[in-house]
Amino acid sequence: MPPAAQTKTWTDLLACPACRAGLNESATELTCRACGRRYPIADGIPQLMLEDAKPPAEASGSGSGDRPTGKDSGT
């Protein structure tokens, strides 16, 4: 009999399509433990397509999305 500590969840069966590492689950997405790509979960179904993946979150910065747009707000 396998020990009770080996209980697996459905996310234990999934892997990142880019690097094949394990995934961490949040309410809205799965995040690769190795490369950091984020895959959305839509209607309870993980969208594990590379074209649907969000790039890894940047380690530096506030994460507020403040990036230059190339548009000048002045005259």
PDB file of N, CA and C in Angstrom:
ATOM      1  N   MET A   1       0.832  -1.185   0.000  1.00  0.00           N
ATOM      2  CA  MET A   1       0.000   0.000   0.000  1.00  0.00           C
ATOM      3  C   MET A   1       0.874   1.244   0.000  1.00  0.00           C
ATOM      4  N   PRO A   2       0.542   2.242  -0.839  1.00  0.00           N
ATOM      5  CA  PRO A   2       1.324   3.475  -0.821  1.00  0.00           C
ATOM      6  C   PRO A   2       1.006   4.304   0.414  1.00  0.00           C
ATOM      7  N   PRO A   3       1.997   5.000   0.937  1.00  0.00           N
ATOM      8  CA  PRO A   3       1.760   5.855   2.103  1.00  0.00           C
ATOM      9  C   PRO A   3       0.772   6.971   1.771  1.00  0.00           C
ATOM     10  N   ALA A   4       0.025   7.406   2.775  1.00  0.00           N
ATOM     11  CA  ALA A   4      -0.970   8.457   2.584  1.00  0.00           C
ATOM     12  C   ALA A   4      -0.325   9.786   2.199  1.00  0.00           C
ATOM     13  N   ALA A   5       0.940   9.976   2.517  1.00  0.00           N
ATOM     14  CA  ALA A   5       1.631  11.228   2.209  1.00  0.00           C
ATOM     15  C   ALA A   5       1.853  11.415   0.713  1.00  0.00           C
ATOM     16  N   GLN A   6       1.629  10.386  -0.084  1.00  0.00           N
ATOM     17  CA  GLN A   6       1.848  10.476  -1.517  1.00  0.00           C
ATOM     18  C   GLN A   6       0.585  10.874  -2.275  1.00  0.00           C
ATOM     19  N   THR A   7      -0.350  11.511  -1.613  1.00  0.00           N
ATOM     20  CA  THR A   7      -1.555  11.965  -2.281  1.00  0.00           C
ATOM     21  C   THR A   7      -1.184  13.024  -3.307  1.00  0.00           C
ATOM     22  N   LYS A   8      -1.648  12.842  -4.537  1.00  0.00           N
ATOM     23  CA  LYS A   8      -1.329  13.778  -5.609  1.00  0.00           C
ATOM     24  C   LYS A   8      -2.576  14.545  -6.016  1.00  0.00           C
ATOM     25  N   THR A   9      -2.350  15.755  -6.495  1.00  0.00           N
ATOM     26  CA  THR A   9      -3.437  16.552  -7.038  1.00  0.00           C
ATOM     27  C   THR A   9      -3.327  16.544  -8.556  1.00  0.00           C
ATOM     28  N   TRP A  10      -4.342  17.066  -9.217  1.00  0.00           N
ATOM     29  CA  TRP A  10      -4.319  17.063 -10.682  1.00  0.00           C
ATOM     30  C   TRP A  10      -3.174  17.908 -11.224  1.00  0.00           C
ATOM     31  N   THR A  11      -2.746  18.920 -10.487  1.00  0.00           N
ATOM     32  CA  THR A  11      -1.637  19.739 -10.979  1.00  0.00           C
ATOM     33  C   THR A  11      -0.305  18.988 -10.930  1.00  0.00           C
ATOM     34  N   ASP A  12      -0.215  17.942 -10.117  1.00  0.00           N
ATOM     35  CA  ASP A  12       1.009  17.132 -10.082  1.00  0.00           C
ATOM     36  C   ASP A  12       1.204  16.361 -11.382  1.00  0.00           C
ATOM     37  N   LEU A  13       0.150  16.213 -12.154  1.00  0.00           N
ATOM     38  CA  LEU A  13       0.215  15.469 -13.406  1.00  0.00           C
ATOM     39  C   LEU A  13       0.566  16.351 -14.599  1.00  0.00           C
ATOM     40  N   LEU A  14       0.530  17.670 -14.406  1.00  0.00           N
ATOM     41  CA  LEU A  14       0.774  18.604 -15.500  1.00  0.00           C
ATOM     42  C   LEU A  14       2.205  19.118 -15.468  1.00  0.00           C
ATOM     43  N   ALA A  15       2.692  19.525 -16.641  1.00  0.00           N
ATOM     44  CA  ALA A  15       4.035  20.092 -16.743  1.00  0.00           C
ATOM     45  C   ALA A  15       4.005  21.280 -17.693  1.00  0.00           C
ATOM     46  N   CYS A  16       4.945  22.168 -17.514  1.00  0.00           N
ATOM     47  CA  CYS A  16       5.085  23.322 -18.394  1.00  0.00           C
ATOM     48  C   CYS A  16       5.408  22.828 -19.802  1.00  0.00           C
ATOM     49  N   PRO A  17       4.653  23.259 -20.813  1.00  0.00           N
ATOM     50  CA  PRO A  17       4.945  22.826 -22.181  1.00  0.00           C
ATOM     51  C   PRO A  17       6.288  23.341 -22.699  1.00  0.00           C
ATOM     52  N   ALA A  18       6.805  24.415 -22.113  1.00  0.00           N
ATOM     53  CA  ALA A  18       8.063  24.990 -22.586  1.00  0.00           C
ATOM     54  C   ALA A  18       9.281  24.255 -22.042  1.00  0.00           C
ATOM     55  N   CYS A  19       9.279  23.947 -20.731  1.00  0.00           N
ATOM     56  CA  CYS A  19      10.486  23.357 -20.134  1.00  0.00           C
ATOM     57  C   CYS A  19      10.219  22.056 -19.377  1.00  0.00           C
ATOM     58  N   ARG A  20       8.970  21.659 -19.290  1.00  0.00           N
ATOM     59  CA  ARG A  20       8.541  20.394 -18.671  1.00  0.00           C
ATOM     60  C   ARG A  20       8.711  20.341 -17.155  1.00  0.00           C
ATOM     61  N   ALA A  21       8.847  21.493 -16.517  1.00  0.00           N
ATOM     62  CA  ALA A  21       8.929  21.541 -15.051  1.00  0.00           C
ATOM     63  C   ALA A  21       7.518  21.522 -14.465  1.00  0.00           C
ATOM     64  N   GLY A  22       7.435  21.350 -13.160  1.00  0.00           N
ATOM     65  CA  GLY A  22       6.151  21.333 -12.477  1.00  0.00           C
ATOM     66  C   GLY A  22       5.496  22.706 -12.457  1.00  0.00           C
ATOM     67  N   LEU A  23       4.202  22.721 -12.126  1.00  0.00           N
ATOM     68  CA  LEU A  23       3.428  23.956 -12.121  1.00  0.00           C
ATOM     69  C   LEU A  23       2.834  24.221 -10.749  1.00  0.00           C
ATOM     70  N   ASN A  24       2.778  25.487 -10.357  1.00  0.00           N
ATOM     71  CA  ASN A  24       2.099  25.912  -9.136  1.00  0.00           C
ATOM     72  C   ASN A  24       0.755  26.492  -9.529  1.00  0.00           C
ATOM     73  N   GLU A  25      -0.271  26.192  -8.746  1.00  0.00           N
ATOM     74  CA  GLU A  25      -1.626  26.631  -9.064  1.00  0.00           C
ATOM     75  C   GLU A  25      -2.037  27.831  -8.223  1.00  0.00           C
ATOM     76  N   SER A  26      -2.673  28.805  -8.870  1.00  0.00           N
ATOM     77  CA  SER A  26      -3.357  29.890  -8.165  1.00  0.00           C
ATOM     78  C   SER A  26      -4.799  29.872  -8.671  1.00  0.00           C
ATOM     79  N   ALA A  27      -5.610  30.800  -8.237  1.00  0.00           N
ATOM     80  CA  ALA A  27      -7.021  30.808  -8.620  1.00  0.00           C
ATOM     81  C   ALA A  27      -7.224  31.047 -10.113  1.00  0.00           C
ATOM     82  N   THR A  28      -6.326  31.793 -10.747  1.00  0.00           N
ATOM     83  CA  THR A  28      -6.546  32.178 -12.140  1.00  0.00           C
ATOM     84  C   THR A  28      -5.503  31.678 -13.124  1.00  0.00           C
ATOM     85  N   GLU A  29      -4.409  31.076 -12.620  1.00  0.00           N
ATOM     86  CA  GLU A  29      -3.372  30.633 -13.540  1.00  0.00           C
ATOM     87  C   GLU A  29      -2.474  29.573 -12.917  1.00  0.00           C
ATOM     88  N   LEU A  30      -1.714  28.899 -13.779  1.00  0.00           N
ATOM     89  CA  LEU A  30      -0.673  27.965 -13.364  1.00  0.00           C
ATOM     90  C   LEU A  30       0.662  28.626 -13.693  1.00  0.00           C
ATOM     91  N   THR A  31       1.605  28.560 -12.760  1.00  0.00           N
ATOM     92  CA  THR A  31       2.912  29.184 -12.957  1.00  0.00           C
ATOM     93  C   THR A  31       3.986  28.114 -12.931  1.00  0.00           C
ATOM     94  N   CYS A  32       4.864  28.147 -13.935  1.00  0.00           N
ATOM     95  CA  CYS A  32       5.957  27.181 -14.009  1.00  0.00           C
ATOM     96  C   CYS A  32       6.952  27.442 -12.893  1.00  0.00           C
ATOM     97  N   ARG A  33       7.343  26.381 -12.212  1.00  0.00           N
ATOM     98  CA  ARG A  33       8.302  26.491 -11.107  1.00  0.00           C
ATOM     99  C   ARG A  33       9.712  26.807 -11.595  1.00  0.00           C
ATOM    100  N   ALA A  34      10.018  26.484 -12.849  1.00  0.00           N
ATOM    101  CA  ALA A  34      11.374  26.685 -13.359  1.00  0.00           C
ATOM    102  C   ALA A  34      11.501  27.953 -14.200  1.00  0.00           C
ATOM    103  N   CYS A  35      10.721  28.074 -15.268  1.00  0.00           N
ATOM    104  CA  CYS A  35      10.905  29.205 -16.183  1.00  0.00           C
ATOM    105  C   CYS A  35       9.999  30.390 -15.870  1.00  0.00           C
ATOM    106  N   GLY A  36       8.977  30.199 -15.038  1.00  0.00           N
ATOM    107  CA  GLY A  36       8.130  31.307 -14.623  1.00  0.00           C
ATOM    108  C   GLY A  36       6.994  31.663 -15.562  1.00  0.00           C
ATOM    109  N   ARG A  37       6.869  30.954 -16.696  1.00  0.00           N
ATOM    110  CA  ARG A  37       5.742  31.244 -17.586  1.00  0.00           C
ATOM    111  C   ARG A  37       4.439  30.997 -16.843  1.00  0.00           C
ATOM    112  N   ARG A  38       3.425  31.817 -17.174  1.00  0.00           N
ATOM    113  CA  ARG A  38       2.132  31.716 -16.500  1.00  0.00           C
ATOM    114  C   ARG A  38       1.060  31.359 -17.519  1.00  0.00           C
ATOM    115  N   TYR A  39       0.302  30.324 -17.212  1.00  0.00           N
ATOM    116  CA  TYR A  39      -0.740  29.828 -18.102  1.00  0.00           C
ATOM    117  C   TYR A  39      -2.105  30.085 -17.472  1.00  0.00           C
ATOM    118  N   PRO A  40      -3.019  30.732 -18.211  1.00  0.00           N
ATOM    119  CA  PRO A  40      -4.328  31.052 -17.640  1.00  0.00           C
ATOM    120  C   PRO A  40      -5.186  29.810 -17.426  1.00  0.00           C
ATOM    121  N   ILE A  41      -6.117  29.923 -16.483  1.00  0.00           N
ATOM    122  CA  ILE A  41      -7.137  28.898 -16.271  1.00  0.00           C
ATOM    123  C   ILE A  41      -8.459  29.543 -16.662  1.00  0.00           C
ATOM    124  N   ALA A  42      -9.119  29.015 -17.685  1.00  0.00           N
ATOM    125  CA  ALA A  42     -10.387  29.568 -18.167  1.00  0.00           C
ATOM    126  C   ALA A  42     -11.496  28.559 -17.925  1.00  0.00           C
ATOM    127  N   ASP A  43     -12.506  28.964 -17.189  1.00  0.00           N
ATOM    128  CA  ASP A  43     -13.636  28.091 -16.862  1.00  0.00           C
ATOM    129  C   ASP A  43     -13.169  26.783 -16.240  1.00  0.00           C
ATOM    130  N   GLY A  44     -12.129  26.856 -15.411  1.00  0.00           N
ATOM    131  CA  GLY A  44     -11.616  25.685 -14.724  1.00  0.00           C
ATOM    132  C   GLY A  44     -10.699  24.806 -15.554  1.00  0.00           C
ATOM    133  N   ILE A  45     -10.387  25.235 -16.782  1.00  0.00           N
ATOM    134  CA  ILE A  45      -9.553  24.435 -17.683  1.00  0.00           C
ATOM    135  C   ILE A  45      -8.227  25.156 -17.926  1.00  0.00           C
ATOM    136  N   PRO A  46      -7.095  24.535 -17.565  1.00  0.00           N
ATOM    137  CA  PRO A  46      -5.797  25.159 -17.822  1.00  0.00           C
ATOM    138  C   PRO A  46      -5.543  25.289 -19.323  1.00  0.00           C
ATOM    139  N   GLN A  47      -5.091  26.456 -19.735  1.00  0.00           N
ATOM    140  CA  GLN A  47      -4.774  26.724 -21.139  1.00  0.00           C
ATOM    141  C   GLN A  47      -3.266  26.581 -21.317  1.00  0.00           C
ATOM    142  N   LEU A  48      -2.812  25.362 -21.549  1.00  0.00           N
ATOM    143  CA  LEU A  48      -1.376  25.072 -21.600  1.00  0.00           C
ATOM    144  C   LEU A  48      -0.822  25.158 -23.018  1.00  0.00           C
ATOM    145  N   MET A  49      -1.138  26.240 -23.686  1.00  0.00           N
ATOM    146  CA  MET A  49      -0.608  26.497 -25.020  1.00  0.00           C
ATOM    147  C   MET A  49       0.452  27.587 -24.885  1.00  0.00           C
ATOM    148  N   LEU A  50       1.596  27.404 -25.535  1.00  0.00           N
ATOM    149  CA  LEU A  50       2.669  28.389 -25.428  1.00  0.00           C
ATOM    150  C   LEU A  50       2.215  29.774 -25.869  1.00  0.00           C
ATOM    151  N   GLU A  51       1.350  29.844 -26.884  1.00  0.00           N
ATOM    152  CA  GLU A  51       0.895  31.151 -27.348  1.00  0.00           C
ATOM    153  C   GLU A  51      -0.042  31.838 -26.347  1.00  0.00           C
ATOM    154  N   ASP A  52      -0.626  31.074 -25.407  1.00  0.00           N
ATOM    155  CA  ASP A  52      -1.481  31.650 -24.364  1.00  0.00           C
ATOM    156  C   ASP A  52      -0.686  32.037 -23.120  1.00  0.00           C
ATOM    157  N   ALA A  53       0.565  31.597 -23.035  1.00  0.00           N
ATOM    158  CA  ALA A  53       1.377  31.827 -21.835  1.00  0.00           C
ATOM    159  C   ALA A  53       1.773  33.288 -21.701  1.00  0.00           C
ATOM    160  N   LYS A  54       1.798  33.745 -20.459  1.00  0.00           N
ATOM    161  CA  LYS A  54       2.302  35.086 -20.152  1.00  0.00           C
ATOM    162  C   LYS A  54       3.775  34.926 -19.808  1.00  0.00           C
ATOM    163  N   PRO A  55       4.599  35.903 -20.185  1.00  0.00           N
ATOM    164  CA  PRO A  55       6.024  35.791 -19.860  1.00  0.00           C
ATOM    165  C   PRO A  55       6.243  35.804 -18.357  1.00  0.00           C
ATOM    166  N   PRO A  56       7.385  35.321 -17.918  1.00  0.00           N
ATOM    167  CA  PRO A  56       7.680  35.331 -16.480  1.00  0.00           C
ATOM    168  C   PRO A  56       7.583  36.739 -15.913  1.00  0.00           C
ATOM    169  N   ALA A  57       7.097  36.829 -14.681  1.00  0.00           N
ATOM    170  CA  ALA A  57       7.031  38.128 -14.005  1.00  0.00           C
ATOM    171  C   ALA A  57       8.447  38.624 -13.792  1.00  0.00           C
ATOM    172  N   GLU A  58       8.658  39.908 -13.971  1.00  0.00           N
ATOM    173  CA  GLU A  58       9.992  40.469 -13.787  1.00  0.00           C
ATOM    174  C   GLU A  58      10.342  40.488 -12.312  1.00  0.00           C
ATOM    175  N   ALA A  59      11.548  40.085 -11.998  1.00  0.00           N
ATOM    176  CA  ALA A  59      11.995  40.033 -10.607  1.00  0.00           C
ATOM    177  C   ALA A  59      12.192  41.428 -10.039  1.00  0.00           C
ATOM    178  N   SER A  60      12.624  42.363 -10.873  1.00  0.00           N
ATOM    179  CA  SER A  60      12.836  43.725 -10.384  1.00  0.00           C
ATOM    180  C   SER A  60      11.653  44.594 -10.766  1.00  0.00           C
ATOM    181  N   GLY A  61      11.510  45.710 -10.082  1.00  0.00           N
ATOM    182  CA  GLY A  61      10.407  46.620 -10.368  1.00  0.00           C
ATOM    183  C   GLY A  61       9.250  46.365  -9.433  1.00  0.00           C
ATOM    184  N   SER A  62       8.281  47.252  -9.482  1.00  0.00           N
ATOM    185  CA  SER A  62       7.151  47.176  -8.561  1.00  0.00           C
ATOM    186  C   SER A  62       6.071  46.236  -9.039  1.00  0.00           C
ATOM    187  N   GLY A  63       6.116  45.854 -10.322  1.00  0.00           N
ATOM    188  CA  GLY A  63       5.081  44.986 -10.845  1.00  0.00           C
ATOM    189  C   GLY A  63       3.805  45.730 -11.165  1.00  0.00           C
ATOM    190  N   SER A  64       3.850  47.064 -11.164  1.00  0.00           N
ATOM    191  CA  SER A  64       2.655  47.854 -11.410  1.00  0.00           C
ATOM    192  C   SER A  64       2.401  48.069 -12.886  1.00  0.00           C
ATOM    193  N   GLY A  65       3.304  47.597 -13.725  1.00  0.00           N
ATOM    194  CA  GLY A  65       3.105  47.748 -15.156  1.00  0.00           C
ATOM    195  C   GLY A  65       3.545  49.100 -15.677  1.00  0.00           C
ATOM    196  N   ASP A  66       4.305  49.852 -14.905  1.00  0.00           N
ATOM    197  CA  ASP A  66       4.767  51.162 -15.339  1.00  0.00           C
ATOM    198  C   ASP A  66       5.929  50.991 -16.303  1.00  0.00           C
ATOM    199  N   ARG A  67       5.614  50.998 -17.581  1.00  0.00           N
ATOM    200  CA  ARG A  67       6.637  50.880 -18.605  1.00  0.00           C
ATOM    201  C   ARG A  67       6.481  52.037 -19.571  1.00  0.00           C
ATOM    202  N   PRO A  68       7.573  52.509 -20.132  1.00  0.00           N
ATOM    203  CA  PRO A  68       7.466  53.583 -21.116  1.00  0.00           C
ATOM    204  C   PRO A  68       6.655  53.118 -22.316  1.00  0.00           C
ATOM    205  N   THR A  69       5.796  53.990 -22.809  1.00  0.00           N
ATOM    206  CA  THR A  69       4.958  53.640 -23.952  1.00  0.00           C
ATOM    207  C   THR A  69       5.507  54.193 -25.238  1.00  0.00           C
ATOM    208  N   GLY A  70       6.489  55.102 -25.135  1.00  0.00           N
ATOM    209  CA  GLY A  70       7.027  55.726 -26.325  1.00  0.00           C
ATOM    210  C   GLY A  70       6.227  56.957 -26.717  1.00  0.00           C
ATOM    211  N   LYS A  71       5.137  57.211 -26.018  1.00  0.00           N
ATOM    212  CA  LYS A  71       4.311  58.378 -26.305  1.00  0.00           C
ATOM    213  C   LYS A  71       4.732  59.503 -25.373  1.00  0.00           C
ATOM    214  N   ASP A  72       4.855  60.677 -25.920  1.00  0.00           N
ATOM    215  CA  ASP A  72       5.217  61.842 -25.127  1.00  0.00           C
ATOM    216  C   ASP A  72       3.948  62.524 -24.657  1.00  0.00           C
ATOM    217  N   SER A  73       3.814  62.741 -23.355  1.00  0.00           N
ATOM    218  CA  SER A  73       2.603  63.356 -22.826  1.00  0.00           C
ATOM    219  C   SER A  73       2.642  64.871 -22.942  1.00  0.00           C
ATOM    220  N   GLY A  74       3.798  65.426 -23.292  1.00  0.00           N
ATOM    221  CA  GLY A  74       3.931  66.873 -23.439  1.00  0.00           C
ATOM    222  C   GLY A  74       3.617  67.313 -24.851  1.00  0.00           C
ATOM    223  N   THR A  75       3.941  68.578 -25.151  1.00  0.00           N
ATOM    224  CA  THR A  75       3.672  69.100 -26.488  1.00  0.00           C
ATOM    225  C   THR A  75       4.834  68.987 -27.401  1.00  0.00           C
TER     226      THR A  75
END
